[in-house]
Amino acid sequence: MPYFHLMKNCMCFVFWVTRLWEQYIETWLAKNTQSRLLGYLQKSG
C-alpha cells in the first residue's frame, strides 16, 4: 500500500520537525535567559 507508506513517512517527517523545533526553541530560550541574566547582573553590579 503506497498510501500507508506515504502516511508513515509523513508521520516521521512531522515527528522530526517537531523535535527540531523543540530543540530550536529550547536553545533560543536558554540564550535569551542567559543574556537577560547577564544584563541584569551587569546593571545591578
C-alpha atoms as a PDB file:
ATOM      1  CA  MET A   1       0.000   0.000   0.000  1.00  0.00           C
ATOM      2  CA  PRO A   2       1.796   3.177  -1.174  1.00  0.00           C
ATOM      3  CA  TYR A   3      -0.683   5.356   0.712  1.00  0.00           C
ATOM      4  CA  PHE A   4       0.237   3.769   4.041  1.00  0.00           C
ATOM      5  CA  HIS A   5       3.923   4.199   3.218  1.00  0.00           C
ATOM      6  CA  LEU A   6       3.313   7.871   2.456  1.00  0.00           C
ATOM      7  CA  MET A   7       1.426   8.328   5.707  1.00  0.00           C
ATOM      8  CA  LYS A   8       4.238   6.702   7.669  1.00  0.00           C
ATOM      9  CA  ASN A   9       6.782   8.971   6.010  1.00  0.00           C
ATOM     10  CA  CYS A  10       4.624  11.989   6.772  1.00  0.00           C
ATOM     11  CA  MET A  11       4.390  10.993  10.435  1.00  0.00           C
ATOM     12  CA  CYS A  12       8.150  10.540  10.598  1.00  0.00           C
ATOM     13  CA  PHE A  13       8.653  13.933   8.990  1.00  0.00           C
ATOM     14  CA  VAL A  14       6.251  15.649  11.402  1.00  0.00           C
ATOM     15  CA  PHE A  15       7.924  13.977  14.376  1.00  0.00           C
ATOM     16  CA  TRP A  16      11.360  15.035  13.124  1.00  0.00           C
ATOM     17  CA  VAL A  17      10.275  18.635  12.530  1.00  0.00           C
ATOM     18  CA  THR A  18       8.653  18.805  15.967  1.00  0.00           C
ATOM     19  CA  ARG A  19      11.815  17.536  17.623  1.00  0.00           C
ATOM     20  CA  LEU A  20      13.915  20.052  15.681  1.00  0.00           C
ATOM     21  CA  TRP A  21      11.529  22.889  16.559  1.00  0.00           C
ATOM     22  CA  GLU A  22      11.609  21.964  20.262  1.00  0.00           C
ATOM     23  CA  GLN A  23      15.406  21.957  20.250  1.00  0.00           C
ATOM     24  CA  TYR A  24      15.459  25.322  18.475  1.00  0.00           C
ATOM     25  CA  ILE A  25      13.075  26.893  20.987  1.00  0.00           C
ATOM     26  CA  GLU A  26      14.989  25.440  23.922  1.00  0.00           C
ATOM     27  CA  THR A  27      18.325  26.817  22.720  1.00  0.00           C
ATOM     28  CA  TRP A  28      16.726  30.169  21.872  1.00  0.00           C
ATOM     29  CA  LEU A  29      15.126  30.421  25.314  1.00  0.00           C
ATOM     30  CA  ALA A  30      18.357  29.418  27.013  1.00  0.00           C
ATOM     31  CA  LYS A  31      20.303  32.070  25.090  1.00  0.00           C
ATOM     32  CA  ASN A  32      17.734  34.761  25.814  1.00  0.00           C
ATOM     33  CA  THR A  33      17.539  33.895  29.511  1.00  0.00           C
ATOM     34  CA  GLN A  34      21.326  33.845  29.744  1.00  0.00           C
ATOM     35  CA  SER A  35      21.756  37.237  28.088  1.00  0.00           C
ATOM     36  CA  ARG A  36      18.927  38.675  30.177  1.00  0.00           C
ATOM     37  CA  LEU A  37      20.505  37.386  33.370  1.00  0.00           C
ATOM     38  CA  LEU A  38      23.892  38.751  32.336  1.00  0.00           C
ATOM     39  CA  GLY A  39      22.381  42.142  31.560  1.00  0.00           C
ATOM     40  CA  TYR A  40      20.569  42.181  34.895  1.00  0.00           C
ATOM     41  CA  LEU A  41      23.735  41.234  36.757  1.00  0.00           C
ATOM     42  CA  GLN A  42      25.710  43.922  34.947  1.00  0.00           C
ATOM     43  CA  LYS A  43      23.078  46.542  35.797  1.00  0.00           C
ATOM     44  CA  SER A  44      22.874  45.607  39.463  1.00  0.00           C
ATOM     45  CA  GLY A  45      26.617  45.053  39.771  1.00  0.00           C
END
